[in-house]
Protein backbone atom coordinates (compact mmCIF):
# COMPACT_ATOMS: atom_id res chain seq x y z
CA MET A 1 97.35 -97.67 -49.30
CA ILE A 2 98.53 -97.01 -52.76
CA LYS A 3 101.92 -95.32 -52.99
CA GLY A 4 103.29 -93.29 -55.74
CA ASN A 5 101.35 -90.63 -57.68
CA PHE A 6 98.10 -92.75 -58.59
CA ALA A 7 95.93 -89.43 -58.09
CA GLU A 8 98.10 -87.35 -60.22
CA ASN A 9 98.29 -89.93 -62.86
CA LEU A 10 94.70 -90.73 -63.06
CA LYS A 11 93.88 -87.03 -63.63
CA SER A 12 96.50 -86.63 -66.27
CA LEU A 13 95.12 -90.12 -68.22
CA ARG A 14 91.57 -88.67 -67.75
CA ILE A 15 92.48 -85.28 -68.98
CA SER A 16 95.01 -86.46 -72.02
CA SER A 17 92.07 -88.70 -73.01
CA GLY A 18 89.66 -85.80 -73.32
CA MET A 19 87.29 -87.36 -70.61
CA THR A 20 85.53 -85.59 -67.79
CA GLN A 21 85.16 -86.98 -64.41
CA LYS A 22 81.59 -87.79 -65.24
CA GLN A 23 82.20 -89.61 -68.52
CA LEU A 24 84.96 -91.76 -66.43
CA ALA A 25 82.55 -92.58 -63.71
CA ASP A 26 79.94 -93.45 -65.98
CA LEU A 27 82.29 -95.96 -67.65
CA LEU A 28 83.32 -97.51 -64.28
CA GLU A 29 79.65 -97.47 -63.03
CA VAL A 30 80.41 -95.11 -59.98
CA ASP A 31 79.66 -91.63 -59.00
CA GLN A 32 81.53 -88.62 -60.59
CA ARG A 33 82.25 -87.57 -56.79
CA THR A 34 84.39 -91.31 -56.45
CA ILE A 35 86.48 -89.90 -59.46
CA SER A 36 87.03 -86.64 -57.70
CA ALA A 37 87.71 -88.31 -54.47
CA TRP A 38 90.43 -90.33 -56.24
CA GLU A 39 91.63 -87.54 -57.62
CA LYS A 40 92.01 -85.44 -54.45
CA LYS A 41 93.69 -88.45 -52.59
CA VAL A 42 90.73 -88.41 -50.36
CA CYS A 43 90.09 -92.41 -50.81
CA GLU A 44 91.60 -95.19 -53.42
CA PRO A 45 89.76 -97.42 -56.11
CA SER A 46 89.31 -101.16 -55.25
CA PHE A 47 91.52 -103.53 -57.14
CA GLU A 48 88.62 -104.36 -59.41
CA LEU A 49 88.33 -100.47 -60.45
CA LEU A 50 91.94 -100.17 -60.56
CA ALA A 51 92.40 -103.01 -63.09
CA LYS A 52 89.38 -101.36 -65.14
CA LEU A 53 91.16 -97.87 -65.11
CA CYS A 54 94.24 -100.00 -66.43
CA GLU A 55 92.11 -101.36 -69.06
CA ILE A 56 90.15 -97.94 -70.03
CA PHE A 57 93.73 -96.08 -70.44
CA ASP A 58 95.53 -99.11 -71.80
CA GLU A 59 98.10 -98.68 -68.90
CA THR A 60 99.75 -101.27 -66.71
CA PHE A 61 99.03 -101.15 -62.85
CA ASP A 62 102.91 -99.96 -62.53
CA GLY A 63 102.09 -97.22 -64.84
CA ILE A 64 99.39 -95.85 -63.35
CA LEU A 65 100.39 -96.33 -59.81
CA SER A 66 103.89 -94.86 -59.97
């Protein structure tokens, strides 16, 4: 289980980038509902998707997870 504020950090990074959940989902090749679930702490991304999120937002793992 991911510790820290991943859900809040993801939402903040996405919004500050001017990106909708749908746009981020398209970049990651997942459904928009997946992004919503991550932001609501319903589930968490795989390591591979977490790495893609770090690339998209130019963040480190520590930065996005804490």
